[in-house]
Protein backbone atom coordinates (compact mmCIF):
# COMPACT_ATOMS: atom_id res chain seq x y z
CA MET A 1 21.69 49.12 18.79
CA ASN A 2 25.28 49.49 17.60
CA ILE A 3 26.17 49.56 13.92
CA LYS A 4 27.79 46.08 13.96
CA VAL A 5 24.68 44.33 15.33
CA LYS A 6 22.48 46.32 12.96
CA ASN A 7 24.58 45.26 9.97
CA ILE A 8 24.41 41.60 11.07
CA LEU A 9 20.60 41.78 11.27
CA ILE A 10 20.31 43.50 7.91
CA ASN A 11 22.63 40.98 6.27
CA SER A 12 20.71 38.10 7.86
CA VAL A 13 17.40 39.42 6.52
CA ILE A 14 18.93 39.90 3.08
CA ALA A 15 20.40 36.37 3.13
CA ILE A 16 17.14 34.73 4.24
CA THR A 17 15.13 36.72 1.69
CA THR A 18 17.58 35.77 -1.05
CA ILE A 19 17.39 32.08 -0.13
CA ILE A 20 13.58 32.16 -0.20
CA ILE A 21 13.53 33.91 -3.58
CA VAL A 22 16.05 31.42 -5.01
CA LEU A 23 14.02 28.45 -3.75
CA ILE A 24 10.84 29.89 -5.27
CA LEU A 25 12.65 30.37 -8.59
CA VAL A 26 13.97 26.80 -8.38
CA GLU A 27 10.42 25.54 -7.82
CA PHE A 28 9.13 27.43 -10.85
CA ALA A 29 12.07 26.24 -12.95
CA PHE A 30 11.51 22.65 -11.85
CA ARG A 31 7.85 22.78 -12.83
CA LYS A 32 8.57 24.47 -16.16
CA TRP A 33 11.50 22.40 -17.43
CA MET A 34 11.51 19.14 -15.47
CA PHE A 35 7.92 18.53 -14.46
CA ASN A 36 6.89 17.83 -18.04
CA TYR A 37 3.46 16.44 -17.27
CA TYR A 38 2.51 19.77 -15.75
CA LYS A 39 2.26 21.17 -19.30
CA ILE A 40 -0.04 18.41 -20.59
CA VAL A 41 -2.40 17.88 -17.69
CA GLY A 42 -5.30 16.92 -19.92
CA GLU A 43 -3.55 13.78 -21.14
CA ASN A 44 -2.48 12.54 -17.73
CA GLN A 45 -5.09 13.52 -15.19
CA ILE A 46 -7.28 11.05 -13.37
CA PHE A 47 -10.20 12.75 -11.67
CA LEU A 48 -10.63 11.89 -8.03
CA SER A 49 -13.84 9.96 -7.51
CA TYR A 50 -15.74 7.96 -4.91
CA GLY A 51 -14.98 10.41 -2.13
CA VAL A 52 -11.22 10.59 -2.61
CA THR A 53 -9.49 13.49 -0.93
CA GLU A 54 -5.94 14.78 -0.59
CA SER A 55 -4.08 13.05 2.24
CA LYS A 56 -2.52 14.97 5.09
CA ILE A 57 -0.06 12.13 5.67
CA PRO A 58 3.25 12.93 3.94
CA GLY A 59 4.10 10.24 1.40
CA ILE A 60 0.48 9.26 0.74
CA PRO A 61 -1.15 10.94 -2.29
CA PHE A 62 -4.80 10.51 -1.30
CA GLU A 63 -7.25 8.94 1.13
CA TYR A 64 -10.94 8.09 1.08
CA ALA A 65 -13.14 10.67 2.76
CA PRO A 66 -15.77 9.38 5.23
CA SER A 67 -19.25 9.41 3.67
CA ASN A 68 -22.71 10.05 5.08
CA ASN A 69 -24.65 7.59 2.89
CA ASP A 70 -26.05 4.18 3.85
CA GLU A 71 -23.22 2.13 5.38
CA ASN A 72 -24.40 -0.90 3.39
CA SER A 73 -24.10 0.90 0.04
CA ASP A 74 -21.36 0.04 -2.43
CA TRP A 75 -19.64 3.41 -2.03
CA HIS A 76 -19.69 3.91 1.72
CA PHE A 77 -16.45 4.83 3.47
CA ASN A 78 -16.53 4.64 7.24
CA ARG A 79 -15.31 7.34 9.62
CA PHE A 80 -11.77 5.95 9.43
CA GLY A 81 -11.73 6.21 5.64
CA PHE A 82 -11.97 2.48 4.82
CA ARG A 83 -14.42 1.11 2.28
CA GLY A 84 -17.36 -0.67 3.89
CA LYS A 85 -19.48 -0.55 7.02
CA GLU A 86 -18.77 1.40 10.19
CA ILE A 87 -16.60 -0.17 12.90
CA ALA A 88 -16.41 0.64 16.60
CA VAL A 89 -13.37 1.96 18.45
CA PRO A 90 -12.71 1.03 21.19
CA LYS A 91 -13.17 -2.44 19.75
CA PRO A 92 -16.11 -4.28 21.40
CA ALA A 93 -15.45 -7.39 23.47
CA GLY A 94 -15.62 -10.59 21.45
CA VAL A 95 -14.68 -8.94 18.15
CA TYR A 96 -11.67 -10.31 16.25
CA ARG A 97 -10.69 -7.62 13.75
CA ILE A 98 -8.76 -8.54 10.61
CA VAL A 99 -7.46 -5.84 8.26
CA LEU A 100 -6.96 -6.81 4.62
CA LEU A 101 -4.34 -4.36 3.32
CA GLY A 102 -3.53 -3.94 -0.36
CA ASP A 103 -4.02 -2.07 -3.60
CA SER A 104 -6.98 -2.12 -6.00
CA GLN A 105 -7.17 -5.93 -5.80
CA VAL A 106 -8.30 -5.52 -2.19
CA TYR A 107 -10.35 -2.38 -2.88
CA GLY A 108 -12.47 -4.43 -5.30
CA GLY A 109 -14.99 -3.64 -8.02
CA LEU A 110 -18.39 -1.99 -8.18
CA SER A 111 -20.05 -4.18 -5.56
CA VAL A 112 -18.74 -4.09 -2.00
CA LYS A 113 -20.33 -7.52 -1.49
CA GLY A 114 -17.98 -8.91 -4.12
CA THR A 115 -14.79 -7.76 -2.40
CA ILE A 116 -12.40 -10.27 -0.86
CA SER A 117 -12.79 -8.67 2.58
CA TYR A 118 -16.60 -8.90 2.58
CA LEU A 119 -16.62 -12.50 1.34
CA LEU A 120 -13.96 -13.54 3.85
CA GLU A 121 -15.92 -12.01 6.72
CA GLN A 122 -19.03 -13.95 5.68
CA LEU A 123 -17.10 -17.23 5.52
CA LEU A 124 -15.51 -16.75 8.94
CA ASN A 125 -18.74 -15.77 10.68
CA SER A 126 -20.67 -18.67 9.14
CA ASP A 127 -18.26 -21.23 10.62
CA PRO A 128 -19.77 -22.55 13.89
CA GLU A 129 -16.41 -23.93 15.01
CA LEU A 130 -14.75 -20.52 14.80
CA THR A 131 -17.63 -18.61 16.37
CA LYS A 132 -18.65 -21.09 19.08
CA ASN A 133 -17.20 -18.97 21.88
CA GLY A 134 -19.10 -15.88 20.83
CA ILE A 135 -16.33 -14.55 18.59
CA LYS A 136 -17.45 -12.18 15.84
CA PHE A 137 -15.08 -11.56 12.94
CA GLU A 138 -14.68 -8.20 11.22
CA VAL A 139 -12.63 -7.96 8.03
CA VAL A 140 -11.78 -4.35 7.18
CA ASN A 141 -11.13 -3.38 3.55
CA ALA A 142 -7.89 -1.34 3.56
CA GLY A 143 -7.51 -1.37 -0.22
CA TYR A 144 -6.07 1.69 -2.03
CA PHE A 145 -5.88 1.69 -5.81
CA THR A 146 -2.47 2.64 -7.33
CA PHE A 147 -0.63 2.39 -3.97
CA ASN A 148 2.69 0.57 -3.78
CA ILE A 149 4.22 -1.26 -0.81
CA LYS A 150 5.79 1.92 0.60
CA GLU A 151 2.50 3.83 0.62
CA LEU A 152 0.63 0.85 2.02
CA SER A 153 3.17 0.61 4.84
CA LEU A 154 2.29 4.22 5.71
CA ILE A 155 -1.44 3.40 5.63
CA LEU A 156 -0.73 0.62 8.12
CA ARG A 157 1.35 2.86 10.38
CA TYR A 158 -0.89 5.92 10.47
CA LYS A 159 -4.42 4.64 9.76
CA VAL A 160 -4.73 0.92 10.49
CA LYS A 161 -3.32 1.31 14.00
CA LYS A 162 -6.30 3.53 14.92
CA ILE A 163 -8.80 0.69 14.53
CA GLU A 164 -7.16 -1.80 16.94
CA PRO A 165 -6.53 -4.75 14.57
CA ASP A 166 -5.90 -8.29 15.81
CA LEU A 167 -4.47 -9.52 12.51
CA ILE A 168 -3.18 -7.79 9.38
CA ILE A 169 -3.10 -9.60 6.03
CA TYR A 170 -1.06 -7.74 3.43
CA ASN A 171 -2.09 -8.84 -0.06
CA PHE A 172 1.00 -8.46 -2.25
CA PHE A 173 0.36 -7.88 -5.97
CA GLU A 174 3.01 -8.03 -8.67
CA ASN A 175 3.11 -4.26 -9.23
CA ASP A 176 3.53 -3.33 -5.55
CA PHE A 177 7.24 -2.67 -6.17
CA ASP A 178 6.47 -0.14 -8.92
CA GLU A 179 7.34 3.50 -8.42
CA SER A 180 4.37 5.56 -7.38
CA THR A 181 3.55 8.23 -9.94
CA TYR A 182 0.67 10.25 -8.58
CA THR A 183 0.25 13.45 -6.65
CA VAL A 184 -2.77 15.65 -5.98
CA MET A 185 -3.17 19.11 -7.53
CA LYS A 186 -6.10 21.42 -8.22
CA GLY A 187 -7.48 21.71 -11.76
CA LYS A 188 -8.38 25.03 -13.40
CA ASP A 189 -11.95 24.56 -12.20
CA GLY A 190 -10.81 23.94 -8.63
CA ILE A 191 -11.61 20.22 -8.73
CA PRO A 192 -8.84 18.03 -7.25
CA VAL A 193 -7.19 15.74 -9.77
CA LEU A 194 -4.50 13.10 -9.60
CA LEU A 195 -1.56 14.12 -11.75
CA LYS A 196 1.09 11.75 -13.01
CA TYR A 197 4.70 12.79 -12.52
CA MET A 198 8.12 11.41 -11.73
CA SER A 199 7.82 10.41 -8.08
CA ILE A 200 6.23 11.08 -4.72
CA TYR A 201 8.44 8.66 -2.83
CA GLY A 202 9.16 9.37 0.74
CA GLU A 203 7.76 10.89 3.86
CA ASN A 204 10.45 13.53 3.36
CA ASP A 205 10.75 13.77 7.10
CA PHE A 206 14.22 15.30 7.31
CA LEU A 207 12.75 18.74 8.08
CA GLY A 208 10.06 17.33 10.32
CA GLY A 209 6.74 18.56 11.62
CA LYS A 210 4.53 21.19 10.05
CA ILE A 211 7.29 22.44 7.75
CA ASN A 212 7.52 18.96 6.23
CA VAL A 213 3.76 18.71 5.72
CA PHE A 214 3.57 22.19 4.18
CA LEU A 215 6.40 21.53 1.72
CA ASN A 216 5.07 18.08 0.81
CA ARG A 217 1.74 19.61 -0.15
CA ASN A 218 3.08 22.65 -1.99
CA SER A 219 6.51 21.92 -3.45
CA LEU A 220 7.06 19.36 -6.18
CA PHE A 221 10.79 20.04 -6.00
CA TYR A 222 10.79 19.15 -2.30
CA ARG A 223 9.03 15.88 -3.08
CA TYR A 224 11.56 15.15 -5.81
CA ILE A 225 14.48 15.78 -3.42
CA GLY A 226 12.69 13.52 -0.97
CA SER A 227 12.62 10.76 -3.58
CA VAL A 228 16.39 11.05 -4.00
CA VAL A 229 16.88 10.83 -0.23
CA GLU A 230 14.56 7.80 -0.06
CA ASN A 231 16.50 6.00 -2.79
CA LEU A 232 19.68 6.49 -0.78
CA ARG A 233 17.90 5.16 2.29
CA TYR A 234 16.84 2.03 0.40
CA LYS A 235 20.44 1.26 -0.42
CA GLY A 236 21.52 1.88 3.16
CA ARG A 237 18.79 -0.29 4.61
CA ILE A 238 19.69 -3.16 2.30
CA ARG A 239 23.41 -2.75 2.90
CA TYR A 240 23.05 -3.01 6.68
CA SER A 241 20.33 -5.67 6.83
CA ASN A 242 21.64 -8.54 8.97
CA LEU A 243 19.15 -10.98 7.42
CA MET A 244 20.43 -10.63 3.86
CA ASN A 245 23.51 -12.34 2.54
CA LYS A 246 26.25 -10.60 0.58
CA TYR A 247 24.76 -11.55 -2.80
CA ASP A 248 21.34 -10.13 -1.91
CA LYS A 249 22.79 -6.84 -0.72
CA VAL A 250 24.51 -6.33 -4.06
CA TYR A 251 21.95 -7.74 -6.49
CA THR A 252 18.53 -7.01 -4.98
CA ARG A 253 16.43 -5.80 -7.93
CA PHE A 254 13.47 -4.49 -5.96
CA PRO A 255 14.66 -2.34 -3.05
CA LEU A 256 11.10 -1.41 -2.05
CA VAL A 257 10.88 -4.88 -0.49
CA VAL A 258 12.47 -3.41 2.64
CA TYR A 259 9.12 -1.80 3.50
CA LEU A 260 7.88 -5.25 4.42
CA ASP A 261 10.10 -4.80 7.50
CA ASP A 262 8.14 -1.67 8.40
CA MET A 263 4.84 -3.54 8.13
CA ILE A 264 6.10 -6.36 10.33
CA ARG A 265 7.49 -3.98 12.96
CA ASP A 266 4.44 -1.72 13.03
CA SER A 267 2.05 -4.69 13.25
CA LYS A 268 4.00 -6.02 16.21
CA ASN A 269 4.02 -2.61 17.90
CA MET A 270 0.22 -2.42 17.71
CA GLY A 271 -0.13 -5.98 19.05
CA ALA A 272 -1.41 -7.49 15.81
CA GLY A 273 -0.38 -10.61 13.93
CA PHE A 274 0.95 -10.27 10.38
CA ILE A 275 0.40 -12.55 7.38
CA THR A 276 0.88 -11.94 3.66
CA SER A 277 -1.02 -13.29 0.67
CA ILE A 278 0.23 -13.18 -2.93
CA LEU A 279 -1.63 -12.45 -6.18
CA GLY A 280 -0.60 -12.20 -9.84
CA ASP A 281 -2.39 -10.86 -12.91
CA PRO A 282 -5.38 -12.77 -14.39
CA ALA A 283 -3.60 -14.06 -17.50
CA SER A 284 -0.62 -15.41 -15.57
CA MET A 285 -2.81 -16.99 -12.89
CA SER A 286 -5.02 -18.57 -15.54
CA ALA A 287 -2.00 -20.14 -17.27
CA CYS A 288 -0.03 -20.65 -14.03
CA VAL A 289 3.01 -19.43 -15.94
CA TYR A 290 5.00 -16.25 -15.19
CA ASN A 291 7.43 -14.23 -17.25
CA ASP A 292 10.94 -13.61 -15.97
CA TYR A 293 10.20 -10.17 -14.56
CA ASN A 294 7.12 -11.14 -12.55
CA GLY A 295 8.73 -14.44 -11.59
CA ASP A 296 11.69 -12.53 -10.17
CA ILE A 297 9.34 -10.23 -8.25
CA PHE A 298 7.51 -13.11 -6.60
CA GLU A 299 10.65 -15.08 -5.83
CA GLU A 300 12.36 -12.10 -4.21
CA TYR A 301 9.27 -11.19 -2.18
CA ILE A 302 8.69 -14.78 -1.04
CA LYS A 303 12.34 -15.20 -0.08
CA TYR A 304 12.36 -11.92 1.85
CA ALA A 305 9.13 -12.79 3.68
CA ARG A 306 10.39 -16.27 4.54
CA MET A 307 13.62 -14.88 5.98
CA ARG A 308 11.54 -12.77 8.34
CA GLY A 309 9.29 -15.62 9.42
CA VAL A 310 6.17 -14.21 7.76
CA MET A 311 3.38 -16.70 7.06
CA ILE A 312 2.47 -16.75 3.36
CA ILE A 313 -0.95 -17.55 1.89
CA ASN A 314 -0.29 -18.48 -1.74
CA LEU A 315 -3.12 -17.46 -4.07
CA LEU A 316 -1.09 -17.87 -7.26
CA ASP A 317 -2.31 -21.43 -7.87
CA THR A 318 -6.01 -20.85 -7.18
CA LEU A 319 -7.11 -20.12 -10.78
CA CYS A 320 -4.92 -22.47 -12.82
CA GLY A 321 -6.68 -23.68 -15.96
CA ARG A 322 -9.66 -21.34 -15.71
CA PRO A 323 -10.33 -19.41 -18.93
CA VAL A 324 -9.01 -15.90 -18.50
CA GLN A 325 -12.27 -14.37 -19.75
CA GLU A 326 -14.06 -15.98 -16.80
CA ILE A 327 -11.83 -14.36 -14.21
CA ASP A 328 -10.65 -11.08 -15.81
CA ARG A 329 -12.83 -8.04 -15.13
CA GLY A 330 -11.92 -6.79 -18.60
CA ASP A 331 -8.84 -4.65 -18.04
CA GLY A 332 -6.18 -7.37 -17.94
CA CYS A 333 -5.38 -6.60 -14.32
CA HIS A 334 -8.39 -6.98 -12.04
CA PHE A 335 -10.53 -9.99 -11.16
CA LYS A 336 -14.25 -10.67 -11.26
CA ASP A 337 -16.13 -11.26 -8.03
CA ASP A 338 -16.23 -15.04 -8.61
CA ALA A 339 -12.43 -15.04 -8.48
CA HIS A 340 -12.58 -12.95 -5.30
CA MET A 341 -14.68 -15.70 -3.72
CA ILE A 342 -12.03 -18.27 -4.62
CA PHE A 343 -9.36 -16.10 -2.99
CA ALA A 344 -11.54 -15.57 0.09
CA LYS A 345 -12.10 -19.33 0.44
CA ARG A 346 -8.35 -20.00 0.30
CA ILE A 347 -7.62 -17.34 2.94
CA TYR A 348 -10.48 -18.65 5.10
CA LYS A 349 -9.13 -22.20 4.89
CA GLU A 350 -5.64 -21.04 5.89
CA LEU A 351 -6.92 -18.89 8.75
CA LYS A 352 -9.00 -21.75 10.11
CA GLU A 353 -5.90 -23.94 10.29
CA TYR A 354 -3.96 -21.09 11.88
CA PHE A 355 -6.60 -20.43 14.57
CA LYS A 356 -6.86 -24.16 15.31
CA ASP A 357 -3.16 -24.65 16.09
CA PRO A 358 -0.99 -21.55 15.51
CA ASP A 359 2.36 -23.14 16.36
CA SER A 360 1.90 -26.16 14.09
CA TYR A 361 0.55 -23.98 11.28
CA ILE A 362 3.55 -21.64 11.40
CA VAL A 363 5.98 -24.56 11.13
CA GLU A 364 4.01 -26.19 8.31
CA ASN A 365 3.59 -22.92 6.44
CA TYR A 366 7.32 -22.22 6.55
CA LYS A 367 8.11 -25.63 5.05
CA ARG A 368 5.81 -25.20 2.06
CA LYS A 369 7.38 -24.81 -1.35
CA ILE A 370 5.91 -22.22 -3.68
CA SER A 371 6.97 -23.21 -7.19
CA LEU A 372 6.67 -20.77 -10.09
CA ILE A 373 6.64 -22.04 -13.67
CA ARG A 374 8.56 -19.63 -15.89
CA LYS A 375 7.56 -18.70 -19.42
CA GLN A 376 10.26 -19.41 -22.00
CA GLU A 377 11.41 -16.02 -23.24
CA TYR A 378 13.77 -15.17 -26.07
């Protein structure tokens, strides 16, 4: 080996080693001076429970681990990681599989029999008109607490597609545009915990493959850079959307709405229909009045969904006038099981009309007006 080639190799090794050392130092510096929550873990940790495990899907903080207990128990997660009973894949003949996708509103409370998905399945299968040809309905609970629309779109793409759905109903809640703030780390005792920090946006796929997965799971700085890249992508996707007018492209307040496009596309690619339902918080739904911020969220989401021809099941008017203490589970955000039954009945009614005459239902659904009463704010 001549001296010139040898020097090139030595310099290359030195350069690569230097880059690695610098990146490690940057990671440590980021955690020490920017990742403030890392210093006060005790005040911000949420222990993983109910069989939650770290996700191997970049951009998703956690998944539910399959459990070995009775499939009819309240805390059973099937082999695909969804709450509830086991389901067969390949899908048996005569089964019509609906996936209810959403956050903790879909996940439900302590009793699995009080979840919207369970109640909806019972209503559909007890209807002789819908089941007269031997059809059996399955409604899968794809609810993930804390997840936003971006993370739920990844659940649809990587997990829902494995169970061969016929129809996907995405239940939109008013905080689905919020920035996700959780990642998974190990505590001092080795127990996995959810830690709050600035962002875990993005699949961070610009490096691709195993390198991407490794860095997502080990580098908070890499995830942060990924969030910056994702924010730039939001702006680009909005700027070049041919379904949005000039005003929307400039003034869209909630750029995460573009992930509805991903849900629509991925549902179509797996041969499934796509519908969305809409929920607000208990107090607002009890009063049927919304503040400016939540009103803007719903109006932008509804407008975006309408522009894409998505059928909307409006649940916002289902609890008007009911005392909030009768519907609120006690945390100001989640609903009691009786309210879940009301939601399930509305979805069941809409689905029955849809199955009866899909073309007419789509036209009628598109023409519906969803009016939001705004709270006077000063």
